[in-house]
Amino acid sequence: MFQKLQDKWKVSGTDFLLIFITFAIGGSLCGIAGKKIMSLTGIDKGLVWLIVYIIILTIIWPLCVLLISIPLGQFRFFKKYISKILARFTGQKPHAPGKAAVPGGQVIPGARSNIAIFASGAGSNAAKIIEHFQENPEVKVALLVCNKPGAGVLEVAANNGIPVLMIERERFSRGDGYVDELKQYNIQWIILAGFLWKLPVSLVHAWPGHIINIHPALLPNYGGKGMYGKYVHEAVLAAGDKKSGISIHYVDEIYDHGEVIKQAYCEIDENETADSLAAKIHLLEHEHFPGVIEEEIARKKNP
């Protein structure tokens, strides 16, 4: 039963445990607060008392659970969970999207945000992002952009019914950057998830402040041309660093140069290899990247 719930909610084992703790503590807090409120009403215990008590619990339960979810890091989950419950009672779809979005990084408050994932490899980060936004009514993965025929990420897109735009270097780097094609999908955000080409200026200028990349090192160290994948990890180990991590950042005209949004760290063991370090970095990427994307989209939509 617990495994089915975890699969349904699409959360890690740790988050699953924290969610249940939130339910337990939030429910207890709700009961205590409800009895305190009832003591102030002066109503004698009986049928009327019970009815009023149930009504009060129904009203304050979401507030209690949301309050407890904040320090336990589960606010995003419970916000969605409570929205779905309210939708069932009202018969409405939660957070129904507004009007069609405007391409080129412009955002209409309340409208659904379309994102394009750029990827060149196996697509593990792309898969996590797609999974994260599957049931999100405010954000949609509308397009996958790939520069490598046969890349594993193409299968990820096919399995999730996501359109694919295959690009070639000359037109991308020295031509129009496929800006018109992206605008046809009403793309507001571009997410680089293991994309190995440098973005052309035309693309950066068309989506200013709406392109996010993830780099497998702690910028500003180990960034720039040629610093990707195993080359980054080998450089970190060669330097004798005691820790590495990920940098999620906005993209500008310079390689790995834009404003850093978030960094997460991992320790480097004495017998660390490039492969073992890569495995640690992948865990950090999968844990943090989708959530940061969601937070940045929400922040810019509702400044």
Foldseek 3Di string as FASTA:
>chain_A
DLVVVCVVLVDDPLVSVLLVVLLVQLLVVLLVVLVVVLVVVPDDDDDVSVVVSVVSSVVCSLVSSCVSCVVSVCNVSSVVVVQVVVCVVVVHDGLAADDAAAAQQDGAQRHAAEEEEEAEALCPLVLLLQVVCVPPNRYHDAEYEYAYPPHNVVVSCVVVVHHYDYDYDCCCAPNQVCRVVCRVSRHNAYEYDHHQDQGHQNSCNSRPPRYKYKAFWPPPPQWAHPRHQLNSLVVCVVVVDQKTWMWIAHDHNGTPDGGTDDIDMDTADPPDDSVNSVVVRVVRSSVPVSVSSVVSVVVVSPD
